[in-house]
Amino acid sequence: MPGNQTPPPGRFIAGAVCPRCGVMDRLMVSGDGALRRCVDCGFGDERPVETPAPVATRVSRAAARRVETPADVVRLIDIGEGAGEVGKGED
């Protein structure tokens, strides 16, 4: 490291489970976030360089594949007074 800089301290990942030994709360990530390791079994790996493809959801799929629902016309009828007299004619 240039100069006398010390690397940032590592930190534990709350709730993380080690992929090798299955123990919770024992994974530690390096200060720069590039490495993780288990303090129980010694498992360690690097952060993947490529990001995984996003999962296709109803919101994220291509606009060409979206199905638009046609709008229906709605008529509002004000029946006013005499609503109980439907079907009765005047004599």
PDB file of N, CA and C in Angstrom:
ATOM      1  N   MET A   1       0.841  -1.172   0.000  1.00  0.00           N
ATOM      2  CA  MET A   1       0.000   0.000   0.000  1.00  0.00           C
ATOM      3  C   MET A   1       0.889   1.238   0.000  1.00  0.00           C
ATOM      4  N   PRO A   2       0.497   2.230  -0.784  1.00  0.00           N
ATOM      5  CA  PRO A   2       1.300   3.447  -0.797  1.00  0.00           C
ATOM      6  C   PRO A   2       1.196   4.160   0.538  1.00  0.00           C
ATOM      7  N   GLY A   3       2.337   4.651   0.987  1.00  0.00           N
ATOM      8  CA  GLY A   3       2.356   5.330   2.286  1.00  0.00           C
ATOM      9  C   GLY A   3       2.145   4.324   3.407  1.00  0.00           C
ATOM     10  N   ASN A   4       1.685   4.795   4.508  1.00  0.00           N
ATOM     11  CA  ASN A   4       1.393   3.917   5.639  1.00  0.00           C
ATOM     12  C   ASN A   4      -0.108   3.786   5.873  1.00  0.00           C
ATOM     13  N   GLN A   5      -0.877   3.687   4.792  1.00  0.00           N
ATOM     14  CA  GLN A   5      -2.314   3.543   4.918  1.00  0.00           C
ATOM     15  C   GLN A   5      -2.648   2.112   5.315  1.00  0.00           C
ATOM     16  N   THR A   6      -3.506   1.977   6.288  1.00  0.00           N
ATOM     17  CA  THR A   6      -3.972   0.648   6.666  1.00  0.00           C
ATOM     18  C   THR A   6      -5.300   0.402   5.968  1.00  0.00           C
ATOM     19  N   PRO A   7      -5.534  -0.835   5.566  1.00  0.00           N
ATOM     20  CA  PRO A   7      -6.803  -1.116   4.894  1.00  0.00           C
ATOM     21  C   PRO A   7      -7.963  -0.914   5.870  1.00  0.00           C
ATOM     22  N   PRO A   8      -9.127  -0.546   5.359  1.00  0.00           N
ATOM     23  CA  PRO A   8     -10.265  -0.367   6.256  1.00  0.00           C
ATOM     24  C   PRO A   8     -10.579  -1.690   6.951  1.00  0.00           C
ATOM     25  N   PRO A   9     -11.053  -1.633   8.181  1.00  0.00           N
ATOM     26  CA  PRO A   9     -11.319  -2.875   8.908  1.00  0.00           C
ATOM     27  C   PRO A   9     -12.487  -3.636   8.287  1.00  0.00           C
ATOM     28  N   GLY A  10     -12.438  -4.949   8.455  1.00  0.00           N
ATOM     29  CA  GLY A  10     -13.535  -5.779   7.973  1.00  0.00           C
ATOM     30  C   GLY A  10     -14.724  -5.666   8.904  1.00  0.00           C
ATOM     31  N   ARG A  11     -15.881  -6.148   8.434  1.00  0.00           N
ATOM     32  CA  ARG A  11     -17.071  -6.119   9.277  1.00  0.00           C
ATOM     33  C   ARG A  11     -17.887  -7.381   9.041  1.00  0.00           C
ATOM     34  N   PHE A  12     -18.650  -7.760  10.052  1.00  0.00           N
ATOM     35  CA  PHE A  12     -19.487  -8.944   9.947  1.00  0.00           C
ATOM     36  C   PHE A  12     -20.774  -8.606   9.199  1.00  0.00           C
ATOM     37  N   ILE A  13     -21.315  -9.598   8.511  1.00  0.00           N
ATOM     38  CA  ILE A  13     -22.564  -9.438   7.771  1.00  0.00           C
ATOM     39  C   ILE A  13     -23.674 -10.051   8.627  1.00  0.00           C
ATOM     40  N   ALA A  14     -24.548  -9.217   9.159  1.00  0.00           N
ATOM     41  CA  ALA A  14     -25.608  -9.686  10.050  1.00  0.00           C
ATOM     42  C   ALA A  14     -26.575 -10.600   9.303  1.00  0.00           C
ATOM     43  N   GLY A  15     -26.845 -11.753   9.874  1.00  0.00           N
ATOM     44  CA  GLY A  15     -27.814 -12.689   9.325  1.00  0.00           C
ATOM     45  C   GLY A  15     -27.319 -13.548   8.184  1.00  0.00           C
ATOM     46  N   ALA A  16     -26.070 -13.363   7.758  1.00  0.00           N
ATOM     47  CA  ALA A  16     -25.541 -14.150   6.641  1.00  0.00           C
ATOM     48  C   ALA A  16     -25.147 -15.544   7.112  1.00  0.00           C
ATOM     49  N   VAL A  17     -25.380 -16.533   6.247  1.00  0.00           N
ATOM     50  CA  VAL A  17     -25.060 -17.930   6.550  1.00  0.00           C
ATOM     51  C   VAL A  17     -23.911 -18.368   5.651  1.00  0.00           C
ATOM     52  N   CYS A  18     -22.916 -19.021   6.248  1.00  0.00           N
ATOM     53  CA  CYS A  18     -21.764 -19.496   5.485  1.00  0.00           C
ATOM     54  C   CYS A  18     -22.210 -20.598   4.517  1.00  0.00           C
ATOM     55  N   PRO A  19     -21.831 -20.497   3.227  1.00  0.00           N
ATOM     56  CA  PRO A  19     -22.218 -21.529   2.273  1.00  0.00           C
ATOM     57  C   PRO A  19     -21.560 -22.880   2.525  1.00  0.00           C
ATOM     58  N   ARG A  20     -20.426 -22.895   3.216  1.00  0.00           N
ATOM     59  CA  ARG A  20     -19.729 -24.154   3.458  1.00  0.00           C
ATOM     60  C   ARG A  20     -20.202 -24.836   4.739  1.00  0.00           C
ATOM     61  N   CYS A  21     -20.139 -24.135   5.867  1.00  0.00           N
ATOM     62  CA  CYS A  21     -20.455 -24.785   7.148  1.00  0.00           C
ATOM     63  C   CYS A  21     -21.878 -24.523   7.635  1.00  0.00           C
ATOM     64  N   GLY A  22     -22.570 -23.545   7.062  1.00  0.00           N
ATOM     65  CA  GLY A  22     -23.960 -23.275   7.411  1.00  0.00           C
ATOM     66  C   GLY A  22     -24.169 -22.527   8.715  1.00  0.00           C
ATOM     67  N   VAL A  23     -23.103 -21.997   9.311  1.00  0.00           N
ATOM     68  CA  VAL A  23     -23.218 -21.266  10.570  1.00  0.00           C
ATOM     69  C   VAL A  23     -23.604 -19.815  10.265  1.00  0.00           C
ATOM     70  N   MET A  24     -24.542 -19.281  11.048  1.00  0.00           N
ATOM     71  CA  MET A  24     -25.000 -17.908  10.827  1.00  0.00           C
ATOM     72  C   MET A  24     -24.139 -16.916  11.598  1.00  0.00           C
ATOM     73  N   ASP A  25     -24.048 -15.713  11.065  1.00  0.00           N
ATOM     74  CA  ASP A  25     -23.356 -14.579  11.686  1.00  0.00           C
ATOM     75  C   ASP A  25     -21.856 -14.809  11.883  1.00  0.00           C
ATOM     76  N   ARG A  26     -21.222 -15.556  11.000  1.00  0.00           N
ATOM     77  CA  ARG A  26     -19.774 -15.765  11.074  1.00  0.00           C
ATOM     78  C   ARG A  26     -19.068 -15.286   9.813  1.00  0.00           C
ATOM     79  N   LEU A  27     -19.808 -14.728   8.846  1.00  0.00           N
ATOM     80  CA  LEU A  27     -19.191 -14.230   7.626  1.00  0.00           C
ATOM     81  C   LEU A  27     -18.720 -12.808   7.835  1.00  0.00           C
ATOM     82  N   MET A  28     -17.515 -12.556   7.379  1.00  0.00           N
ATOM     83  CA  MET A  28     -16.899 -11.246   7.511  1.00  0.00           C
ATOM     84  C   MET A  28     -16.546 -10.754   6.118  1.00  0.00           C
ATOM     85  N   VAL A  29     -16.792  -9.484   5.848  1.00  0.00           N
ATOM     86  CA  VAL A  29     -16.458  -8.903   4.558  1.00  0.00           C
ATOM     87  C   VAL A  29     -15.310  -7.919   4.763  1.00  0.00           C
ATOM     88  N   SER A  30     -14.412  -7.892   3.788  1.00  0.00           N
ATOM     89  CA  SER A  30     -13.268  -6.978   3.902  1.00  0.00           C
ATOM     90  C   SER A  30     -13.751  -5.536   3.821  1.00  0.00           C
ATOM     91  N   GLY A  31     -12.922  -4.621   4.241  1.00  0.00           N
ATOM     92  CA  GLY A  31     -13.289  -3.213   4.263  1.00  0.00           C
ATOM     93  C   GLY A  31     -13.677  -2.653   2.917  1.00  0.00           C
ATOM     94  N   ASP A  32     -13.064  -3.159   1.839  1.00  0.00           N
ATOM     95  CA  ASP A  32     -13.408  -2.662   0.510  1.00  0.00           C
ATOM     96  C   ASP A  32     -14.546  -3.456  -0.117  1.00  0.00           C
ATOM     97  N   GLY A  33     -15.003  -4.495   0.558  1.00  0.00           N
ATOM     98  CA  GLY A  33     -16.132  -5.281   0.072  1.00  0.00           C
ATOM     99  C   GLY A  33     -15.801  -6.294  -0.996  1.00  0.00           C
ATOM    100  N   ALA A  34     -14.525  -6.507  -1.293  1.00  0.00           N
ATOM    101  CA  ALA A  34     -14.135  -7.409  -2.367  1.00  0.00           C
ATOM    102  C   ALA A  34     -14.049  -8.869  -1.922  1.00  0.00           C
ATOM    103  N   LEU A  35     -13.799  -9.119  -0.640  1.00  0.00           N
ATOM    104  CA  LEU A  35     -13.638 -10.485  -0.142  1.00  0.00           C
ATOM    105  C   LEU A  35     -14.576 -10.748   1.023  1.00  0.00           C
ATOM    106  N   ARG A  36     -15.027 -11.996   1.128  1.00  0.00           N
ATOM    107  CA  ARG A  36     -15.759 -12.412   2.321  1.00  0.00           C
ATOM    108  C   ARG A  36     -15.147 -13.716   2.808  1.00  0.00           C
ATOM    109  N   ARG A  37     -15.185 -13.935   4.105  1.00  0.00           N
ATOM    110  CA  ARG A  37     -14.652 -15.190   4.649  1.00  0.00           C
ATOM    111  C   ARG A  37     -15.387 -15.546   5.925  1.00  0.00           C
ATOM    112  N   CYS A  38     -15.407 -16.847   6.209  1.00  0.00           N
ATOM    113  CA  CYS A  38     -16.048 -17.363   7.412  1.00  0.00           C
ATOM    114  C   CYS A  38     -14.982 -17.516   8.491  1.00  0.00           C
ATOM    115  N   VAL A  39     -15.243 -16.969   9.675  1.00  0.00           N
ATOM    116  CA  VAL A  39     -14.256 -17.060  10.749  1.00  0.00           C
ATOM    117  C   VAL A  39     -14.272 -18.431  11.414  1.00  0.00           C
ATOM    118  N   ASP A  40     -15.306 -19.251  11.177  1.00  0.00           N
ATOM    119  CA  ASP A  40     -15.363 -20.595  11.753  1.00  0.00           C
ATOM    120  C   ASP A  40     -14.621 -21.631  10.913  1.00  0.00           C
ATOM    121  N   CYS A  41     -14.965 -21.721   9.624  1.00  0.00           N
ATOM    122  CA  CYS A  41     -14.398 -22.797   8.802  1.00  0.00           C
ATOM    123  C   CYS A  41     -13.316 -22.317   7.850  1.00  0.00           C
ATOM    124  N   GLY A  42     -13.115 -21.013   7.708  1.00  0.00           N
ATOM    125  CA  GLY A  42     -12.080 -20.496   6.822  1.00  0.00           C
ATOM    126  C   GLY A  42     -12.519 -20.325   5.385  1.00  0.00           C
ATOM    127  N   PHE A  43     -13.786 -20.599   5.070  1.00  0.00           N
ATOM    128  CA  PHE A  43     -14.291 -20.402   3.709  1.00  0.00           C
ATOM    129  C   PHE A  43     -14.052 -18.955   3.285  1.00  0.00           C
ATOM    130  N   GLY A  44     -13.702 -18.742   2.044  1.00  0.00           N
ATOM    131  CA  GLY A  44     -13.510 -17.394   1.530  1.00  0.00           C
ATOM    132  C   GLY A  44     -13.721 -17.347   0.040  1.00  0.00           C
ATOM    133  N   ASP A  45     -14.230 -16.246  -0.449  1.00  0.00           N
ATOM    134  CA  ASP A  45     -14.363 -16.052  -1.883  1.00  0.00           C
ATOM    135  C   ASP A  45     -14.374 -14.566  -2.189  1.00  0.00           C
ATOM    136  N   GLU A  46     -14.246 -14.265  -3.481  1.00  0.00           N
ATOM    137  CA  GLU A  46     -14.229 -12.884  -3.940  1.00  0.00           C
ATOM    138  C   GLU A  46     -15.600 -12.522  -4.479  1.00  0.00           C
ATOM    139  N   ARG A  47     -15.885 -11.239  -4.475  1.00  0.00           N
ATOM    140  CA  ARG A  47     -17.138 -10.750  -5.040  1.00  0.00           C
ATOM    141  C   ARG A  47     -17.100 -10.973  -6.550  1.00  0.00           C
ATOM    142  N   PRO A  48     -18.184 -11.475  -7.139  1.00  0.00           N
ATOM    143  CA  PRO A  48     -18.196 -11.668  -8.593  1.00  0.00           C
ATOM    144  C   PRO A  48     -18.053 -10.334  -9.321  1.00  0.00           C
ATOM    145  N   VAL A  49     -17.322 -10.364 -10.418  1.00  0.00           N
ATOM    146  CA  VAL A  49     -17.081  -9.148 -11.182  1.00  0.00           C
ATOM    147  C   VAL A  49     -18.325  -8.768 -11.973  1.00  0.00           C
ATOM    148  N   GLU A  50     -18.966  -9.748 -12.580  1.00  0.00           N
ATOM    149  CA  GLU A  50     -20.146  -9.465 -13.385  1.00  0.00           C
ATOM    150  C   GLU A  50     -21.399  -9.528 -12.512  1.00  0.00           C
ATOM    151  N   THR A  51     -22.350  -8.709 -12.823  1.00  0.00           N
ATOM    152  CA  THR A  51     -23.593  -8.718 -12.076  1.00  0.00           C
ATOM    153  C   THR A  51     -24.582  -9.656 -12.767  1.00  0.00           C
ATOM    154  N   PRO A  52     -25.376 -10.384 -12.015  1.00  0.00           N
ATOM    155  CA  PRO A  52     -26.330 -11.292 -12.641  1.00  0.00           C
ATOM    156  C   PRO A  52     -27.421 -10.516 -13.373  1.00  0.00           C
ATOM    157  N   ALA A  53     -28.020 -11.173 -14.354  1.00  0.00           N
ATOM    158  CA  ALA A  53     -29.097 -10.534 -15.116  1.00  0.00           C
ATOM    159  C   ALA A  53     -30.295 -10.328 -14.191  1.00  0.00           C
ATOM    160  N   PRO A  54     -30.977  -9.215 -14.322  1.00  0.00           N
ATOM    161  CA  PRO A  54     -32.140  -8.978 -13.464  1.00  0.00           C
ATOM    162  C   PRO A  54     -33.256  -9.966 -13.776  1.00  0.00           C
ATOM    163  N   VAL A  55     -34.011 -10.300 -12.773  1.00  0.00           N
ATOM    164  CA  VAL A  55     -35.122 -11.227 -12.933  1.00  0.00           C
ATOM    165  C   VAL A  55     -36.263 -10.500 -13.635  1.00  0.00           C
ATOM    166  N   ALA A  56     -36.822 -11.133 -14.659  1.00  0.00           N
ATOM    167  CA  ALA A  56     -37.923 -10.519 -15.390  1.00  0.00           C
ATOM    168  C   ALA A  56     -39.183 -10.554 -14.538  1.00  0.00           C
ATOM    169  N   THR A  57     -39.784  -9.408 -14.369  1.00  0.00           N
ATOM    170  CA  THR A  57     -41.030  -9.312 -13.618  1.00  0.00           C
ATOM    171  C   THR A  57     -42.069  -8.620 -14.469  1.00  0.00           C
ATOM    172  N   ARG A  58     -43.252  -8.518 -13.953  1.00  0.00           N
ATOM    173  CA  ARG A  58     -44.336  -7.852 -14.652  1.00  0.00           C
ATOM    174  C   ARG A  58     -43.973  -6.398 -14.944  1.00  0.00           C
ATOM    175  N   VAL A  59     -43.219  -5.792 -14.055  1.00  0.00           N
ATOM    176  CA  VAL A  59     -42.862  -4.395 -14.200  1.00  0.00           C
ATOM    177  C   VAL A  59     -41.661  -4.207 -15.120  1.00  0.00           C
ATOM    178  N   SER A  60     -40.713  -5.120 -15.107  1.00  0.00           N
ATOM    179  CA  SER A  60     -39.463  -4.926 -15.834  1.00  0.00           C
ATOM    180  C   SER A  60     -39.434  -5.531 -17.230  1.00  0.00           C
ATOM    181  N   ARG A  61     -40.447  -6.266 -17.644  1.00  0.00           N
ATOM    182  CA  ARG A  61     -40.386  -6.883 -18.974  1.00  0.00           C
ATOM    183  C   ARG A  61     -40.522  -5.832 -20.063  1.00  0.00           C
ATOM    184  N   ALA A  62     -40.128  -6.202 -21.249  1.00  0.00           N
ATOM    185  CA  ALA A  62     -40.095  -5.264 -22.369  1.00  0.00           C
ATOM    186  C   ALA A  62     -41.489  -4.713 -22.672  1.00  0.00           C
ATOM    187  N   ALA A  63     -41.542  -3.458 -23.088  1.00  0.00           N
ATOM    188  CA  ALA A  63     -42.819  -2.813 -23.368  1.00  0.00           C
ATOM    189  C   ALA A  63     -43.557  -3.508 -24.510  1.00  0.00           C
ATOM    190  N   ALA A  64     -42.831  -4.104 -25.442  1.00  0.00           N
ATOM    191  CA  ALA A  64     -43.464  -4.781 -26.573  1.00  0.00           C
ATOM    192  C   ALA A  64     -44.253  -6.003 -26.117  1.00  0.00           C
ATOM    193  N   ARG A  65     -43.900  -6.573 -24.997  1.00  0.00           N
ATOM    194  CA  ARG A  65     -44.580  -7.774 -24.526  1.00  0.00           C
ATOM    195  C   ARG A  65     -45.731  -7.464 -23.579  1.00  0.00           C
ATOM    196  N   ARG A  66     -45.872  -6.211 -23.198  1.00  0.00           N
ATOM    197  CA  ARG A  66     -46.950  -5.845 -22.290  1.00  0.00           C
ATOM    198  C   ARG A  66     -48.278  -5.901 -23.025  1.00  0.00           C
ATOM    199  N   VAL A  67     -49.284  -6.393 -22.359  1.00  0.00           N
ATOM    200  CA  VAL A  67     -50.615  -6.473 -22.941  1.00  0.00           C
ATOM    201  C   VAL A  67     -51.453  -5.362 -22.322  1.00  0.00           C
ATOM    202  N   GLU A  68     -51.940  -4.481 -23.165  1.00  0.00           N
ATOM    203  CA  GLU A  68     -52.782  -3.399 -22.679  1.00  0.00           C
ATOM    204  C   GLU A  68     -54.230  -3.877 -22.663  1.00  0.00           C
ATOM    205  N   THR A  69     -54.901  -3.637 -21.578  1.00  0.00           N
ATOM    206  CA  THR A  69     -56.298  -3.995 -21.456  1.00  0.00           C
ATOM    207  C   THR A  69     -57.130  -2.858 -22.034  1.00  0.00           C
ATOM    208  N   PRO A  70     -58.026  -3.169 -22.984  1.00  0.00           N
ATOM    209  CA  PRO A  70     -58.824  -2.085 -23.564  1.00  0.00           C
ATOM    210  C   PRO A  70     -59.781  -1.508 -22.515  1.00  0.00           C
ATOM    211  N   ALA A  71     -60.009  -0.219 -22.617  1.00  0.00           N
ATOM    212  CA  ALA A  71     -60.907   0.447 -21.679  1.00  0.00           C
ATOM    213  C   ALA A  71     -62.352   0.235 -22.112  1.00  0.00           C
ATOM    214  N   ASP A  72     -63.237   0.046 -21.162  1.00  0.00           N
ATOM    215  CA  ASP A  72     -64.662  -0.087 -21.429  1.00  0.00           C
ATOM    216  C   ASP A  72     -65.358   1.209 -21.045  1.00  0.00           C
ATOM    217  N   VAL A  73     -66.398   1.551 -21.812  1.00  0.00           N
ATOM    218  CA  VAL A  73     -67.177   2.736 -21.511  1.00  0.00           C
ATOM    219  C   VAL A  73     -68.171   2.392 -20.416  1.00  0.00           C
ATOM    220  N   VAL A  74     -68.279   3.270 -19.445  1.00  0.00           N
ATOM    221  CA  VAL A  74     -69.209   3.068 -18.337  1.00  0.00           C
ATOM    222  C   VAL A  74     -70.230   4.190 -18.377  1.00  0.00           C
ATOM    223  N   ARG A  75     -71.505   3.824 -18.349  1.00  0.00           N
ATOM    224  CA  ARG A  75     -72.568   4.832 -18.315  1.00  0.00           C
ATOM    225  C   ARG A  75     -73.134   4.904 -16.916  1.00  0.00           C
ATOM    226  N   LEU A  76     -73.226   6.098 -16.386  1.00  0.00           N
ATOM    227  CA  LEU A  76     -73.830   6.313 -15.083  1.00  0.00           C
ATOM    228  C   LEU A  76     -75.233   6.845 -15.301  1.00  0.00           C
ATOM    229  N   ILE A  77     -76.201   6.205 -14.675  1.00  0.00           N
ATOM    230  CA  ILE A  77     -77.601   6.596 -14.825  1.00  0.00           C
ATOM    231  C   ILE A  77     -78.102   7.085 -13.490  1.00  0.00           C
ATOM    232  N   ASP A  78     -78.659   8.284 -13.481  1.00  0.00           N
ATOM    233  CA  ASP A  78     -79.251   8.832 -12.270  1.00  0.00           C
ATOM    234  C   ASP A  78     -80.740   8.517 -12.332  1.00  0.00           C
ATOM    235  N   ILE A  79     -81.166   7.585 -11.488  1.00  0.00           N
ATOM    236  CA  ILE A  79     -82.569   7.183 -11.526  1.00  0.00           C
ATOM    237  C   ILE A  79     -83.430   8.083 -10.663  1.00  0.00           C
ATOM    238  N   GLY A  80     -82.833   8.876  -9.840  1.00  0.00           N
ATOM    239  CA  GLY A  80     -83.557   9.874  -9.046  1.00  0.00           C
ATOM    240  C   GLY A  80     -84.667   9.267  -8.214  1.00  0.00           C
ATOM    241  N   GLU A  81     -85.767  10.033  -8.074  1.00  0.00           N
ATOM    242  CA  GLU A  81     -86.914   9.552  -7.291  1.00  0.00           C
ATOM    243  C   GLU A  81     -87.716   8.554  -8.099  1.00  0.00           C
ATOM    244  N   GLY A  82     -88.420   7.717  -7.382  1.00  0.00           N
ATOM    245  CA  GLY A  82     -89.241   6.720  -8.046  1.00  0.00           C
ATOM    246  C   GLY A  82     -88.470   5.464  -8.364  1.00  0.00           C
ATOM    247  N   ALA A  83     -87.338   5.273  -7.684  1.00  0.00           N
ATOM    248  CA  ALA A  83     -86.521   4.094  -7.957  1.00  0.00           C
ATOM    249  C   ALA A  83     -87.268   2.824  -7.604  1.00  0.00           C
ATOM    250  N   GLY A  84     -88.146   2.880  -6.613  1.00  0.00           N
ATOM    251  CA  GLY A  84     -88.903   1.688  -6.219  1.00  0.00           C
ATOM    252  C   GLY A  84     -90.075   1.408  -7.122  1.00  0.00           C
ATOM    253  N   GLU A  85     -90.363   2.300  -8.031  1.00  0.00           N
ATOM    254  CA  GLU A  85     -91.535   2.158  -8.889  1.00  0.00           C
ATOM    255  C   GLU A  85     -91.158   1.734 -10.278  1.00  0.00           C
ATOM    256  N   VAL A  86     -90.065   1.098 -10.473  1.00  0.00           N
ATOM    257  CA  VAL A  86     -89.631   0.664 -11.790  1.00  0.00           C
ATOM    258  C   VAL A  86     -90.618  -0.392 -12.284  1.00  0.00           C
ATOM    259  N   GLY A  87     -91.066  -0.253 -13.474  1.00  0.00           N
ATOM    260  CA  GLY A  87     -91.977  -1.234 -14.069  1.00  0.00           C
ATOM    261  C   GLY A  87     -93.432  -0.887 -13.869  1.00  0.00           C
ATOM    262  N   LYS A  88     -93.748   0.111 -13.052  1.00  0.00           N
ATOM    263  CA  LYS A  88     -95.132   0.518 -12.856  1.00  0.00           C
ATOM    264  C   LYS A  88     -95.461   1.636 -13.834  1.00  0.00           C
ATOM    265  N   GLY A  89     -96.470   1.481 -14.550  1.00  0.00           N
ATOM    266  CA  GLY A  89     -96.884   2.524 -15.487  1.00  0.00           C
ATOM    267  C   GLY A  89     -97.935   3.420 -14.874  1.00  0.00           C
ATOM    268  N   GLU A  90     -98.158   4.599 -15.482  1.00  0.00           N
ATOM    269  CA  GLU A  90     -99.202   5.488 -15.014  1.00  0.00           C
ATOM    270  C   GLU A  90    -100.495   5.135 -15.718  1.00  0.00           C
ATOM    271  N   ASP A  91    -101.594   5.179 -15.001  1.00  0.00           N
ATOM    272  CA  ASP A  91    -102.907   4.873 -15.579  1.00  0.00           C
ATOM    273  C   ASP A  91    -103.612   6.081 -16.054  1.00  0.00           C
TER     274      ASP A  91
END
